N, C-alpha and C. Protein backbone atom coordinates (compact mmCIF):
# COMPACT_ATOMS: atom_id res chain seq x y z
N MET A 1 -21.27 -4.57 -6.40
CA MET A 1 -20.04 -3.84 -6.57
C MET A 1 -19.02 -4.77 -7.23
N PRO A 2 -18.42 -4.31 -8.32
CA PRO A 2 -17.51 -5.17 -9.08
C PRO A 2 -16.13 -5.27 -8.45
N ASN A 3 -15.41 -6.31 -8.87
CA ASN A 3 -14.00 -6.43 -8.55
C ASN A 3 -13.23 -5.73 -9.66
N ILE A 4 -12.11 -5.13 -9.32
CA ILE A 4 -11.26 -4.50 -10.34
C ILE A 4 -9.82 -4.96 -10.15
N GLN A 5 -9.07 -5.01 -11.23
CA GLN A 5 -7.66 -5.36 -11.19
C GLN A 5 -6.86 -4.08 -11.36
N VAL A 6 -5.97 -3.80 -10.43
CA VAL A 6 -5.10 -2.62 -10.50
C VAL A 6 -3.67 -3.10 -10.36
N SER A 7 -2.93 -3.04 -11.44
CA SER A 7 -1.58 -3.55 -11.46
C SER A 7 -1.62 -5.01 -11.03
N ARG A 8 -0.90 -5.37 -9.99
CA ARG A 8 -0.90 -6.77 -9.51
C ARG A 8 -1.95 -7.01 -8.43
N TRP A 9 -2.75 -6.01 -8.11
CA TRP A 9 -3.72 -6.10 -7.02
C TRP A 9 -5.12 -6.37 -7.51
N LEU A 10 -5.84 -7.23 -6.79
CA LEU A 10 -7.26 -7.43 -7.02
C LEU A 10 -8.00 -6.64 -5.94
N VAL A 11 -8.87 -5.75 -6.36
CA VAL A 11 -9.67 -4.96 -5.43
C VAL A 11 -11.09 -5.51 -5.49
N GLU A 12 -11.54 -6.11 -4.38
CA GLU A 12 -12.85 -6.76 -4.33
C GLU A 12 -13.93 -5.81 -3.85
N SER A 13 -15.09 -5.89 -4.47
CA SER A 13 -16.28 -5.13 -4.06
C SER A 13 -16.03 -3.62 -4.06
N CYS A 14 -15.47 -3.14 -5.15
CA CYS A 14 -15.13 -1.72 -5.24
C CYS A 14 -16.33 -0.89 -5.70
N PRO A 15 -16.84 0.00 -4.85
CA PRO A 15 -17.95 0.86 -5.26
C PRO A 15 -17.51 1.76 -6.42
N LYS A 16 -18.37 1.91 -7.41
CA LYS A 16 -18.05 2.74 -8.58
C LYS A 16 -17.61 4.14 -8.18
N VAL A 17 -18.26 4.70 -7.16
CA VAL A 17 -17.96 6.06 -6.73
C VAL A 17 -16.53 6.20 -6.17
N LEU A 18 -15.93 5.11 -5.71
CA LEU A 18 -14.57 5.16 -5.15
C LEU A 18 -13.53 4.56 -6.07
N GLU A 19 -13.95 4.01 -7.18
CA GLU A 19 -13.04 3.27 -8.06
C GLU A 19 -11.80 4.08 -8.44
N GLN A 20 -11.95 5.30 -8.89
CA GLN A 20 -10.81 6.09 -9.33
C GLN A 20 -9.87 6.43 -8.18
N LYS A 21 -10.42 6.68 -7.00
CA LYS A 21 -9.56 6.98 -5.84
C LYS A 21 -8.74 5.76 -5.44
N ILE A 22 -9.37 4.60 -5.46
CA ILE A 22 -8.67 3.37 -5.08
C ILE A 22 -7.61 3.02 -6.13
N ILE A 23 -7.95 3.18 -7.40
CA ILE A 23 -6.97 2.95 -8.47
C ILE A 23 -5.76 3.87 -8.27
N SER A 24 -6.02 5.15 -7.97
CA SER A 24 -4.93 6.11 -7.76
C SER A 24 -4.06 5.72 -6.58
N ALA A 25 -4.67 5.31 -5.48
CA ALA A 25 -3.91 4.94 -4.28
C ALA A 25 -3.07 3.69 -4.52
N VAL A 26 -3.65 2.67 -5.15
CA VAL A 26 -2.90 1.43 -5.41
C VAL A 26 -1.78 1.70 -6.41
N ALA A 27 -2.06 2.44 -7.46
CA ALA A 27 -1.03 2.75 -8.47
C ALA A 27 0.11 3.56 -7.85
N TYR A 28 -0.21 4.53 -7.01
CA TYR A 28 0.81 5.34 -6.34
C TYR A 28 1.69 4.46 -5.47
N ARG A 29 1.05 3.58 -4.70
CA ARG A 29 1.80 2.67 -3.81
C ARG A 29 2.70 1.74 -4.63
N GLU A 30 2.19 1.21 -5.72
CA GLU A 30 2.99 0.33 -6.57
C GLU A 30 4.19 1.09 -7.16
N MET A 31 3.97 2.32 -7.57
CA MET A 31 5.01 3.12 -8.19
C MET A 31 6.09 3.53 -7.18
N LYS A 32 5.67 3.98 -5.99
CA LYS A 32 6.60 4.51 -4.99
C LYS A 32 7.06 3.47 -3.96
N GLY A 33 6.33 2.36 -3.83
CA GLY A 33 6.67 1.33 -2.85
C GLY A 33 5.97 1.51 -1.52
N SER A 34 5.42 2.70 -1.27
CA SER A 34 4.65 2.95 -0.05
C SER A 34 3.79 4.18 -0.29
N ILE A 35 2.89 4.40 0.65
CA ILE A 35 2.03 5.58 0.58
C ILE A 35 1.78 6.05 2.01
N SER A 36 1.92 7.32 2.24
CA SER A 36 1.76 7.85 3.60
C SER A 36 0.29 8.12 3.89
N ASP A 37 -0.02 8.27 5.17
CA ASP A 37 -1.38 8.62 5.57
C ASP A 37 -1.79 9.95 4.95
N MET A 38 -0.87 10.91 4.89
CA MET A 38 -1.17 12.22 4.31
C MET A 38 -1.51 12.09 2.83
N GLU A 39 -0.75 11.28 2.10
CA GLU A 39 -1.02 11.07 0.68
C GLU A 39 -2.38 10.39 0.47
N LEU A 40 -2.70 9.44 1.32
CA LEU A 40 -4.02 8.80 1.24
C LEU A 40 -5.14 9.80 1.49
N CYS A 41 -4.96 10.65 2.48
CA CYS A 41 -5.96 11.67 2.78
C CYS A 41 -6.15 12.60 1.58
N GLN A 42 -5.06 12.95 0.91
CA GLN A 42 -5.16 13.81 -0.26
C GLN A 42 -5.90 13.11 -1.40
N ILE A 43 -5.62 11.84 -1.63
CA ILE A 43 -6.28 11.09 -2.70
C ILE A 43 -7.77 10.94 -2.42
N PHE A 44 -8.11 10.57 -1.18
CA PHE A 44 -9.51 10.32 -0.84
C PHE A 44 -10.29 11.59 -0.51
N GLY A 45 -9.56 12.67 -0.21
CA GLY A 45 -10.23 13.92 0.10
C GLY A 45 -10.92 13.90 1.45
N GLU A 46 -10.47 13.04 2.33
CA GLU A 46 -11.01 12.94 3.69
C GLU A 46 -10.00 12.24 4.58
N THR A 47 -10.27 12.17 5.85
CA THR A 47 -9.39 11.51 6.79
C THR A 47 -9.35 10.02 6.52
N VAL A 48 -8.13 9.48 6.47
CA VAL A 48 -7.91 8.04 6.32
C VAL A 48 -7.03 7.62 7.48
N TRP A 49 -7.42 6.54 8.17
CA TRP A 49 -6.59 6.07 9.28
C TRP A 49 -6.32 4.59 9.13
N LYS A 50 -5.21 4.16 9.73
CA LYS A 50 -4.75 2.78 9.62
C LYS A 50 -5.00 2.04 10.92
N SER A 51 -5.40 0.79 10.77
CA SER A 51 -5.60 -0.10 11.91
C SER A 51 -5.02 -1.45 11.50
N GLY A 52 -3.83 -1.77 12.01
CA GLY A 52 -3.15 -2.99 11.56
C GLY A 52 -2.78 -2.86 10.10
N ASP A 53 -3.21 -3.81 9.28
CA ASP A 53 -2.96 -3.75 7.83
C ASP A 53 -4.10 -3.08 7.09
N ASN A 54 -5.13 -2.65 7.79
CA ASN A 54 -6.33 -2.12 7.16
C ASN A 54 -6.39 -0.60 7.26
N TYR A 55 -7.08 -0.01 6.29
CA TYR A 55 -7.28 1.44 6.25
C TYR A 55 -8.77 1.72 6.33
N HIS A 56 -9.12 2.87 6.88
CA HIS A 56 -10.52 3.22 7.05
C HIS A 56 -10.76 4.68 6.67
N THR A 57 -11.91 4.92 6.07
CA THR A 57 -12.42 6.27 5.87
C THR A 57 -13.77 6.28 6.56
N HIS A 58 -14.45 7.39 6.53
CA HIS A 58 -15.78 7.42 7.12
C HIS A 58 -16.75 6.57 6.31
N ALA A 59 -16.45 6.35 5.02
CA ALA A 59 -17.35 5.61 4.14
C ALA A 59 -17.03 4.12 4.03
N VAL A 60 -15.73 3.76 4.03
CA VAL A 60 -15.35 2.36 3.77
C VAL A 60 -14.17 1.94 4.64
N SER A 61 -14.04 0.63 4.76
CA SER A 61 -12.84 0.01 5.31
C SER A 61 -12.17 -0.75 4.17
N LEU A 62 -10.87 -0.67 4.09
CA LEU A 62 -10.10 -1.37 3.08
C LEU A 62 -9.27 -2.44 3.78
N HIS A 63 -9.66 -3.69 3.59
CA HIS A 63 -8.96 -4.81 4.21
C HIS A 63 -7.88 -5.30 3.26
N ILE A 64 -6.63 -5.18 3.67
CA ILE A 64 -5.46 -5.44 2.83
C ILE A 64 -4.87 -6.81 3.14
N ASN A 65 -4.62 -7.61 2.09
CA ASN A 65 -3.90 -8.87 2.22
C ASN A 65 -2.66 -8.75 1.34
N GLU A 66 -1.54 -8.40 1.95
CA GLU A 66 -0.29 -8.16 1.22
C GLU A 66 0.20 -9.41 0.49
N GLU A 67 0.09 -10.57 1.12
CA GLU A 67 0.60 -11.81 0.53
C GLU A 67 -0.13 -12.16 -0.76
N GLU A 68 -1.45 -12.02 -0.76
CA GLU A 68 -2.25 -12.38 -1.93
C GLU A 68 -2.49 -11.20 -2.87
N LYS A 69 -2.00 -10.01 -2.50
CA LYS A 69 -2.22 -8.79 -3.29
C LYS A 69 -3.72 -8.56 -3.52
N ARG A 70 -4.47 -8.60 -2.41
CA ARG A 70 -5.92 -8.39 -2.45
C ARG A 70 -6.30 -7.25 -1.51
N CYS A 71 -7.28 -6.50 -1.94
CA CYS A 71 -7.85 -5.43 -1.12
C CYS A 71 -9.36 -5.58 -1.20
N ARG A 72 -10.00 -5.76 -0.06
CA ARG A 72 -11.46 -5.90 -0.03
C ARG A 72 -12.04 -4.62 0.54
N VAL A 73 -12.99 -4.03 -0.19
CA VAL A 73 -13.64 -2.79 0.22
C VAL A 73 -14.96 -3.14 0.91
N ILE A 74 -15.10 -2.66 2.14
CA ILE A 74 -16.33 -2.92 2.90
C ILE A 74 -16.95 -1.59 3.29
N PRO A 75 -18.17 -1.32 2.79
CA PRO A 75 -18.82 -0.04 3.13
C PRO A 75 -19.07 0.06 4.64
N ARG A 76 -18.78 1.25 5.18
CA ARG A 76 -19.06 1.54 6.59
C ARG A 76 -20.38 2.28 6.69
N LEU A 77 -20.69 3.06 5.65
CA LEU A 77 -21.94 3.80 5.56
C LEU A 77 -22.51 3.55 4.18
N SER A 78 -23.74 3.89 3.98
CA SER A 78 -24.34 3.75 2.67
C SER A 78 -23.74 4.79 1.72
N ILE A 79 -23.15 4.30 0.63
CA ILE A 79 -22.61 5.20 -0.39
C ILE A 79 -23.29 4.87 -1.72
N ALA A 80 -23.61 5.88 -2.46
CA ALA A 80 -24.33 5.68 -3.72
C ALA A 80 -23.37 5.45 -4.86
């Protein structure tokens, strides 16, 4: 899974199948300054929940490092 650069953020290990959703979420957050849980659910098309600085879907966990502007994607289930 490749790393992608979105604005000032480095997204590590981004599955191709989620790339556009993650780009949309990061770009929205950069543009508006924040993103709500409801907006994330709309972008991902499924339930997204927050745990500390991290976000989770049924497929992946997104580990956020605000200081370094890094987001690491960790699969929770097998995604093609």
